Amino acid sequence: MKRLFFLLTLLPALSSAQDRGELVFNQACSRCHQAQQPTERPKASLFATRDAVGPAMSQVRQKMDLDQLRAWVKAPYRINRKTACDTRLLAPEDTDALMSFLATVTVPTPPPRRQLLKDQVEQRESEHAAQRKAEEKAKSQSTNQGKK
């Protein structure tokens, strides 16, 4: 019961940290990035919508872990001198809030089931090929030893 009470007292703090991270993302990153990869292209309207310049953060999270992303946010020019990403105005506590927001919002999506199955089949085929090769090598060695 004490643990439950303790967890319930943390919920407002966690939600406010999430809100702060979202606010930091919207202020610093949303000009060029989207949090999630859009599933479909927005329909044309009278009011032009600008496409994001940078990749969606869900795509970035598939390539980088949080430590690499934190290093990027601290000094993007050290990693890529040609970047237009400017994070110099982010305070250290803003960086922490941003990382917690990106960790919860942009969880890398698992590959589609079809891709997982294809990878499993390829892995099994390569294992069987290696096993057959080893058996053939063992057979050829045993027949070569008998010919001497």
N, C-alpha and C. Protein backbone atom coordinates (compact mmCIF):
# COMPACT_ATOMS: atom_id res chain seq x y z
N MET A 1 0.82 -1.19 0.00
CA MET A 1 0.00 0.00 0.00
C MET A 1 0.87 1.26 0.00
N LYS A 2 1.97 1.21 0.76
CA LYS A 2 2.87 2.36 0.81
C LYS A 2 3.50 2.61 -0.55
N ARG A 3 3.83 1.52 -1.26
CA ARG A 3 4.44 1.67 -2.59
C ARG A 3 3.45 2.29 -3.56
N LEU A 4 2.23 1.88 -3.49
CA LEU A 4 1.20 2.42 -4.38
C LEU A 4 1.01 3.91 -4.13
N PHE A 5 0.98 4.29 -2.87
CA PHE A 5 0.84 5.70 -2.53
C PHE A 5 2.03 6.50 -3.07
N PHE A 6 3.23 5.93 -2.92
CA PHE A 6 4.44 6.60 -3.40
C PHE A 6 4.37 6.79 -4.91
N LEU A 7 3.94 5.75 -5.63
CA LEU A 7 3.83 5.84 -7.09
C LEU A 7 2.78 6.86 -7.50
N LEU A 8 1.67 6.88 -6.77
CA LEU A 8 0.62 7.84 -7.10
C LEU A 8 1.06 9.27 -6.86
N THR A 9 1.94 9.48 -5.89
CA THR A 9 2.43 10.83 -5.65
C THR A 9 3.42 11.26 -6.74
N LEU A 10 4.05 10.29 -7.42
CA LEU A 10 4.98 10.61 -8.49
C LEU A 10 4.30 10.92 -9.82
N LEU A 11 3.08 10.45 -10.01
CA LEU A 11 2.40 10.64 -11.29
C LEU A 11 2.32 12.10 -11.75
N PRO A 12 1.92 13.03 -10.90
CA PRO A 12 1.90 14.43 -11.37
C PRO A 12 3.27 14.94 -11.78
N ALA A 13 4.30 14.55 -11.06
CA ALA A 13 5.65 14.99 -11.41
C ALA A 13 6.08 14.43 -12.75
N LEU A 14 5.75 13.15 -12.99
CA LEU A 14 6.12 12.54 -14.27
C LEU A 14 5.36 13.17 -15.42
N SER A 15 4.08 13.45 -15.22
CA SER A 15 3.32 14.07 -16.30
C SER A 15 3.79 15.49 -16.56
N SER A 16 4.19 16.21 -15.52
CA SER A 16 4.68 17.57 -15.74
C SER A 16 6.04 17.54 -16.45
N ALA A 17 6.88 16.53 -16.15
CA ALA A 17 8.15 16.38 -16.86
C ALA A 17 7.90 16.08 -18.33
N GLN A 18 6.90 15.25 -18.60
CA GLN A 18 6.53 14.94 -19.97
C GLN A 18 6.05 16.19 -20.69
N ASP A 19 5.22 16.98 -20.01
CA ASP A 19 4.71 18.22 -20.59
C ASP A 19 5.85 19.21 -20.85
N ARG A 20 6.79 19.28 -19.93
CA ARG A 20 7.93 20.19 -20.10
C ARG A 20 8.78 19.75 -21.28
N GLY A 21 9.01 18.45 -21.41
CA GLY A 21 9.77 17.95 -22.56
C GLY A 21 9.07 18.23 -23.87
N GLU A 22 7.75 18.08 -23.88
CA GLU A 22 6.99 18.38 -25.10
C GLU A 22 7.07 19.87 -25.42
N LEU A 23 7.01 20.70 -24.41
CA LEU A 23 7.12 22.14 -24.61
C LEU A 23 8.49 22.50 -25.19
N VAL A 24 9.55 21.90 -24.65
CA VAL A 24 10.90 22.16 -25.15
C VAL A 24 11.02 21.69 -26.59
N PHE A 25 10.48 20.51 -26.90
CA PHE A 25 10.51 20.01 -28.27
C PHE A 25 9.79 20.97 -29.21
N ASN A 26 8.61 21.42 -28.80
CA ASN A 26 7.84 22.33 -29.65
C ASN A 26 8.56 23.66 -29.86
N GLN A 27 9.28 24.13 -28.85
CA GLN A 27 9.98 25.40 -28.97
C GLN A 27 11.27 25.27 -29.78
N ALA A 28 12.01 24.20 -29.56
CA ALA A 28 13.35 24.11 -30.14
C ALA A 28 13.43 23.25 -31.39
N CYS A 29 12.63 22.22 -31.49
CA CYS A 29 12.85 21.22 -32.54
C CYS A 29 11.75 21.14 -33.59
N SER A 30 10.53 21.51 -33.23
CA SER A 30 9.40 21.25 -34.12
C SER A 30 9.40 22.13 -35.37
N ARG A 31 10.25 23.15 -35.40
CA ARG A 31 10.35 23.94 -36.63
C ARG A 31 10.88 23.09 -37.77
N CYS A 32 11.75 22.14 -37.45
CA CYS A 32 12.38 21.32 -38.49
C CYS A 32 12.03 19.84 -38.39
N HIS A 33 11.62 19.37 -37.23
CA HIS A 33 11.38 17.93 -37.02
C HIS A 33 9.96 17.68 -36.56
N GLN A 34 9.48 16.50 -36.88
CA GLN A 34 8.23 16.00 -36.32
C GLN A 34 8.59 14.93 -35.31
N ALA A 35 7.76 14.73 -34.32
CA ALA A 35 8.05 13.70 -33.32
C ALA A 35 7.87 12.31 -33.93
N GLN A 36 6.77 12.11 -34.63
CA GLN A 36 6.48 10.81 -35.24
C GLN A 36 6.48 10.95 -36.76
N GLN A 37 6.85 9.89 -37.43
CA GLN A 37 6.76 9.85 -38.89
C GLN A 37 5.29 9.82 -39.28
N PRO A 38 4.83 10.75 -40.12
CA PRO A 38 3.42 10.73 -40.49
C PRO A 38 3.10 9.48 -41.30
N THR A 39 1.92 8.92 -41.06
CA THR A 39 1.54 7.69 -41.76
C THR A 39 1.10 7.98 -43.19
N GLU A 40 0.55 9.15 -43.41
CA GLU A 40 0.16 9.53 -44.77
C GLU A 40 0.42 11.00 -44.99
N ARG A 41 0.58 11.36 -46.23
CA ARG A 41 0.86 12.74 -46.58
C ARG A 41 -0.39 13.60 -46.39
N PRO A 42 -0.27 14.78 -45.79
CA PRO A 42 -1.45 15.63 -45.62
C PRO A 42 -2.00 16.05 -46.98
N LYS A 43 -3.31 16.15 -47.04
CA LYS A 43 -3.96 16.56 -48.28
C LYS A 43 -3.71 18.05 -48.52
N ALA A 44 -3.69 18.41 -49.78
CA ALA A 44 -3.48 19.81 -50.14
C ALA A 44 -4.67 20.63 -49.66
N SER A 45 -4.37 21.79 -49.16
CA SER A 45 -5.43 22.68 -48.69
C SER A 45 -5.14 24.10 -49.16
N LEU A 46 -6.03 24.98 -48.86
CA LEU A 46 -5.83 26.38 -49.22
C LEU A 46 -4.66 26.98 -48.47
N PHE A 47 -4.50 26.53 -47.24
CA PHE A 47 -3.40 27.03 -46.43
C PHE A 47 -2.22 26.08 -46.59
N ALA A 48 -1.16 26.57 -47.15
CA ALA A 48 -0.01 25.72 -47.43
C ALA A 48 0.63 25.27 -46.13
N THR A 49 0.92 23.99 -46.05
CA THR A 49 1.64 23.46 -44.90
C THR A 49 3.06 23.16 -45.34
N ARG A 50 3.98 23.56 -44.53
CA ARG A 50 5.40 23.39 -44.85
C ARG A 50 5.85 22.01 -44.40
N ASP A 51 6.56 21.31 -45.27
CA ASP A 51 7.12 20.01 -44.91
C ASP A 51 8.27 20.21 -43.92
N ALA A 52 8.48 19.21 -43.08
CA ALA A 52 9.58 19.27 -42.12
C ALA A 52 10.90 19.21 -42.88
N VAL A 53 11.88 19.97 -42.43
CA VAL A 53 13.19 20.01 -43.07
C VAL A 53 14.01 18.80 -42.64
N GLY A 54 14.01 18.52 -41.36
CA GLY A 54 14.79 17.41 -40.83
C GLY A 54 13.97 16.13 -40.76
N PRO A 55 14.64 15.03 -40.46
CA PRO A 55 13.92 13.75 -40.35
C PRO A 55 13.02 13.72 -39.12
N ALA A 56 12.02 12.88 -39.16
CA ALA A 56 11.16 12.68 -37.99
C ALA A 56 11.99 12.05 -36.88
N MET A 57 11.69 12.43 -35.65
CA MET A 57 12.48 11.93 -34.54
C MET A 57 12.34 10.42 -34.35
N SER A 58 11.24 9.85 -34.81
CA SER A 58 11.11 8.40 -34.74
C SER A 58 12.13 7.73 -35.65
N GLN A 59 12.44 8.34 -36.80
CA GLN A 59 13.48 7.81 -37.68
C GLN A 59 14.86 7.98 -37.06
N VAL A 60 15.07 9.11 -36.43
CA VAL A 60 16.36 9.37 -35.78
C VAL A 60 16.59 8.36 -34.67
N ARG A 61 15.52 8.06 -33.90
CA ARG A 61 15.65 7.11 -32.78
C ARG A 61 15.93 5.70 -33.26
N GLN A 62 15.56 5.38 -34.50
CA GLN A 62 15.88 4.06 -35.04
C GLN A 62 17.37 3.94 -35.32
N LYS A 63 18.03 5.07 -35.55
CA LYS A 63 19.46 5.06 -35.87
C LYS A 63 20.34 5.38 -34.68
N MET A 64 19.82 6.16 -33.74
CA MET A 64 20.62 6.62 -32.59
C MET A 64 19.97 6.18 -31.28
N ASP A 65 20.80 5.87 -30.30
CA ASP A 65 20.25 5.65 -28.97
C ASP A 65 20.21 7.00 -28.25
N LEU A 66 19.70 7.01 -27.03
CA LEU A 66 19.52 8.28 -26.33
C LEU A 66 20.83 8.98 -26.00
N ASP A 67 21.90 8.21 -25.74
CA ASP A 67 23.18 8.85 -25.45
C ASP A 67 23.74 9.57 -26.68
N GLN A 68 23.61 8.94 -27.84
CA GLN A 68 24.06 9.59 -29.07
C GLN A 68 23.21 10.82 -29.37
N LEU A 69 21.93 10.71 -29.13
CA LEU A 69 21.03 11.84 -29.36
C LEU A 69 21.33 12.99 -28.40
N ARG A 70 21.66 12.65 -27.16
CA ARG A 70 22.03 13.69 -26.18
C ARG A 70 23.31 14.40 -26.63
N ALA A 71 24.29 13.64 -27.14
CA ALA A 71 25.53 14.26 -27.64
C ALA A 71 25.22 15.17 -28.82
N TRP A 72 24.30 14.75 -29.67
CA TRP A 72 23.91 15.60 -30.80
C TRP A 72 23.27 16.90 -30.31
N VAL A 73 22.37 16.79 -29.35
CA VAL A 73 21.67 17.98 -28.86
C VAL A 73 22.65 18.93 -28.17
N LYS A 74 23.63 18.39 -27.48
CA LYS A 74 24.60 19.26 -26.79
C LYS A 74 25.46 20.04 -27.78
N ALA A 75 25.89 19.38 -28.87
CA ALA A 75 26.77 20.04 -29.83
C ALA A 75 26.60 19.44 -31.23
N PRO A 76 25.55 19.83 -31.95
CA PRO A 76 25.33 19.24 -33.27
C PRO A 76 26.43 19.61 -34.27
N TYR A 77 27.06 20.77 -34.10
CA TYR A 77 28.10 21.19 -35.04
C TYR A 77 29.37 20.36 -34.89
N ARG A 78 29.59 19.76 -33.74
CA ARG A 78 30.76 18.90 -33.57
C ARG A 78 30.59 17.59 -34.35
N ILE A 79 29.35 17.14 -34.49
CA ILE A 79 29.08 15.88 -35.17
C ILE A 79 28.95 16.09 -36.67
N ASN A 80 28.25 17.15 -37.07
CA ASN A 80 28.06 17.45 -38.48
C ASN A 80 28.15 18.96 -38.67
N ARG A 81 29.22 19.41 -39.28
CA ARG A 81 29.44 20.85 -39.42
C ARG A 81 28.43 21.52 -40.36
N LYS A 82 27.80 20.76 -41.24
CA LYS A 82 26.87 21.33 -42.21
C LYS A 82 25.43 21.37 -41.70
N THR A 83 25.20 20.99 -40.47
CA THR A 83 23.83 20.94 -39.96
C THR A 83 23.25 22.33 -39.75
N ALA A 84 21.94 22.40 -39.87
CA ALA A 84 21.25 23.65 -39.59
C ALA A 84 20.60 23.60 -38.20
N CYS A 85 20.84 22.52 -37.49
CA CYS A 85 20.26 22.32 -36.17
C CYS A 85 20.98 23.24 -35.16
N ASP A 86 20.21 24.07 -34.47
CA ASP A 86 20.80 25.01 -33.52
C ASP A 86 20.17 24.77 -32.15
N THR A 87 20.94 24.20 -31.25
CA THR A 87 20.43 23.88 -29.92
C THR A 87 21.19 24.65 -28.84
N ARG A 88 21.84 25.71 -29.20
CA ARG A 88 22.67 26.44 -28.23
C ARG A 88 21.86 27.08 -27.12
N LEU A 89 20.61 27.40 -27.35
CA LEU A 89 19.81 28.08 -26.34
C LEU A 89 19.14 27.14 -25.36
N LEU A 90 19.32 25.84 -25.53
CA LEU A 90 18.71 24.87 -24.60
C LEU A 90 19.53 24.82 -23.31
N ALA A 91 18.86 24.99 -22.21
CA ALA A 91 19.51 24.85 -20.90
C ALA A 91 19.69 23.36 -20.60
N PRO A 92 20.64 23.01 -19.71
CA PRO A 92 20.84 21.60 -19.38
C PRO A 92 19.58 20.90 -18.87
N GLU A 93 18.78 21.59 -18.07
CA GLU A 93 17.55 20.95 -17.59
C GLU A 93 16.54 20.78 -18.73
N ASP A 94 16.60 21.67 -19.73
CA ASP A 94 15.76 21.50 -20.91
C ASP A 94 16.19 20.28 -21.71
N THR A 95 17.49 20.05 -21.76
CA THR A 95 17.99 18.88 -22.48
C THR A 95 17.49 17.61 -21.82
N ASP A 96 17.51 17.57 -20.49
CA ASP A 96 17.02 16.39 -19.78
C ASP A 96 15.53 16.17 -20.04
N ALA A 97 14.76 17.24 -20.02
CA ALA A 97 13.32 17.13 -20.28
C ALA A 97 13.08 16.69 -21.72
N LEU A 98 13.85 17.21 -22.65
CA LEU A 98 13.72 16.83 -24.05
C LEU A 98 14.03 15.36 -24.25
N MET A 99 15.09 14.88 -23.60
CA MET A 99 15.46 13.46 -23.73
C MET A 99 14.38 12.55 -23.16
N SER A 100 13.79 12.95 -22.04
CA SER A 100 12.74 12.11 -21.46
C SER A 100 11.51 12.11 -22.37
N PHE A 101 11.21 13.24 -22.98
CA PHE A 101 10.08 13.30 -23.92
C PHE A 101 10.36 12.42 -25.14
N LEU A 102 11.55 12.52 -25.71
CA LEU A 102 11.88 11.73 -26.89
C LEU A 102 11.94 10.24 -26.58
N ALA A 103 12.33 9.91 -25.35
CA ALA A 103 12.38 8.49 -24.97
C ALA A 103 10.99 7.88 -24.90
N THR A 104 10.00 8.66 -24.52
CA THR A 104 8.65 8.12 -24.39
C THR A 104 7.83 8.26 -25.65
N VAL A 105 8.05 9.32 -26.41
CA VAL A 105 7.22 9.56 -27.58
C VAL A 105 7.73 8.85 -28.82
N THR A 106 9.01 8.82 -29.00
CA THR A 106 9.56 8.29 -30.25
C THR A 106 10.21 6.93 -30.04
N VAL A 107 9.50 6.03 -29.45
CA VAL A 107 10.01 4.68 -29.29
C VAL A 107 10.15 4.09 -30.68
N PRO A 108 11.31 3.55 -31.01
CA PRO A 108 11.48 3.00 -32.35
C PRO A 108 10.41 1.95 -32.65
N THR A 109 9.80 2.08 -33.80
CA THR A 109 8.77 1.13 -34.18
C THR A 109 9.41 -0.18 -34.62
N PRO A 110 8.83 -1.30 -34.23
CA PRO A 110 9.39 -2.57 -34.66
C PRO A 110 9.17 -2.75 -36.16
N PRO A 111 10.03 -3.52 -36.81
CA PRO A 111 9.83 -3.74 -38.23
C PRO A 111 8.53 -4.51 -38.47
N PRO A 112 7.98 -4.42 -39.66
CA PRO A 112 6.75 -5.14 -39.96
C PRO A 112 6.94 -6.65 -39.82
N ARG A 113 5.85 -7.34 -39.56
CA ARG A 113 5.90 -8.79 -39.35
C ARG A 113 6.50 -9.49 -40.56
N ARG A 114 6.15 -9.03 -41.73
CA ARG A 114 6.68 -9.64 -42.96
C ARG A 114 8.21 -9.56 -42.99
N GLN A 115 8.75 -8.43 -42.57
CA GLN A 115 10.21 -8.26 -42.55
C GLN A 115 10.84 -9.17 -41.49
N LEU A 116 10.20 -9.29 -40.33
CA LEU A 116 10.72 -10.18 -39.28
C LEU A 116 10.76 -11.62 -39.77
N LEU A 117 9.69 -12.07 -40.43
CA LEU A 117 9.64 -13.43 -40.94
C LEU A 117 10.69 -13.65 -42.02
N LYS A 118 10.86 -12.68 -42.89
CA LYS A 118 11.87 -12.78 -43.95
C LYS A 118 13.27 -12.90 -43.34
N ASP A 119 13.55 -12.09 -42.32
CA ASP A 119 14.85 -12.16 -41.65
C ASP A 119 15.07 -13.51 -40.98
N GLN A 120 14.02 -14.06 -40.36
CA GLN A 120 14.14 -15.37 -39.73
C GLN A 120 14.43 -16.45 -40.75
N VAL A 121 13.74 -16.42 -41.89
CA VAL A 121 13.96 -17.41 -42.94
C VAL A 121 15.38 -17.31 -43.48
N GLU A 122 15.85 -16.10 -43.72
CA GLU A 122 17.22 -15.92 -44.21
C GLU A 122 18.25 -16.42 -43.21
N GLN A 123 18.00 -16.16 -41.92
CA GLN A 123 18.93 -16.62 -40.90
C GLN A 123 18.96 -18.14 -40.84
N ARG A 124 17.79 -18.78 -40.90
CA ARG A 124 17.76 -20.24 -40.88
C ARG A 124 18.42 -20.83 -42.11
N GLU A 125 18.20 -20.23 -43.27
CA GLU A 125 18.84 -20.73 -44.49
C GLU A 125 20.34 -20.63 -44.40
N SER A 126 20.85 -19.52 -43.88
CA SER A 126 22.30 -19.37 -43.75
C SER A 126 22.86 -20.36 -42.73
N GLU A 127 22.11 -20.63 -41.65
CA GLU A 127 22.56 -21.62 -40.67
C GLU A 127 22.60 -23.01 -41.29
N HIS A 128 21.56 -23.36 -42.07
CA HIS A 128 21.53 -24.67 -42.73
C HIS A 128 22.65 -24.79 -43.76
N ALA A 129 22.91 -23.73 -44.49
CA ALA A 129 23.99 -23.76 -45.48
C ALA A 129 25.34 -23.96 -44.79
N ALA A 130 25.54 -23.28 -43.69
CA ALA A 130 26.80 -23.43 -42.95
C ALA A 130 26.93 -24.84 -42.38
N GLN A 131 25.81 -25.39 -41.91
CA GLN A 131 25.83 -26.74 -41.37
C GLN A 131 26.13 -27.76 -42.47
N ARG A 132 25.50 -27.60 -43.64
CA ARG A 132 25.77 -28.51 -44.77
C ARG A 132 27.22 -28.41 -45.21
N LYS A 133 27.75 -27.21 -45.24
CA LYS A 133 29.14 -27.00 -45.62
C LYS A 133 30.07 -27.70 -44.65
N ALA A 134 29.78 -27.59 -43.36
CA ALA A 134 30.61 -28.24 -42.34
C ALA A 134 30.53 -29.76 -42.47
N GLU A 135 29.33 -30.28 -42.75
CA GLU A 135 29.19 -31.73 -42.93
C GLU A 135 29.94 -32.22 -44.16
N GLU A 136 29.86 -31.48 -45.26
CA GLU A 136 30.59 -31.85 -46.48
C GLU A 136 32.09 -31.81 -46.24
N LYS A 137 32.55 -30.83 -45.50
CA LYS A 137 33.97 -30.72 -45.20
C LYS A 137 34.42 -31.90 -44.34
N ALA A 138 33.59 -32.28 -43.37
CA ALA A 138 33.92 -33.42 -42.52
C ALA A 138 33.94 -34.71 -43.34
N LYS A 139 32.99 -34.86 -44.26
CA LYS A 139 32.97 -36.05 -45.12
C LYS A 139 34.19 -36.11 -46.01
N SER A 140 34.55 -34.99 -46.62
CA SER A 140 35.70 -34.97 -47.51
C SER A 140 36.99 -35.25 -46.75
N GLN A 141 37.09 -34.79 -45.52
CA GLN A 141 38.28 -35.08 -44.72
C GLN A 141 38.34 -36.56 -44.36
N SER A 142 37.20 -37.16 -44.04
CA SER A 142 37.20 -38.58 -43.67
C SER A 142 37.48 -39.45 -44.89
N THR A 143 37.00 -39.07 -46.09
CA THR A 143 37.29 -39.87 -47.28
C THR A 143 38.73 -39.66 -47.72
N ASN A 144 39.29 -38.49 -47.51
CA ASN A 144 40.69 -38.23 -47.86
C ASN A 144 41.62 -39.02 -46.94
N GLN A 145 41.24 -39.19 -45.70
CA GLN A 145 42.08 -39.92 -44.77
C GLN A 145 42.08 -41.42 -45.13
N GLY A 146 40.98 -41.93 -45.64
CA GLY A 146 40.90 -43.35 -46.01
C GLY A 146 41.71 -43.66 -47.27
N LYS A 147 41.97 -42.69 -48.15
CA LYS A 147 42.70 -42.91 -49.39
C LYS A 147 44.19 -42.97 -49.19
N LYS A 148 44.70 -42.50 -48.09
CA LYS A 148 46.14 -42.48 -47.84
C LYS A 148 46.62 -43.84 -47.68
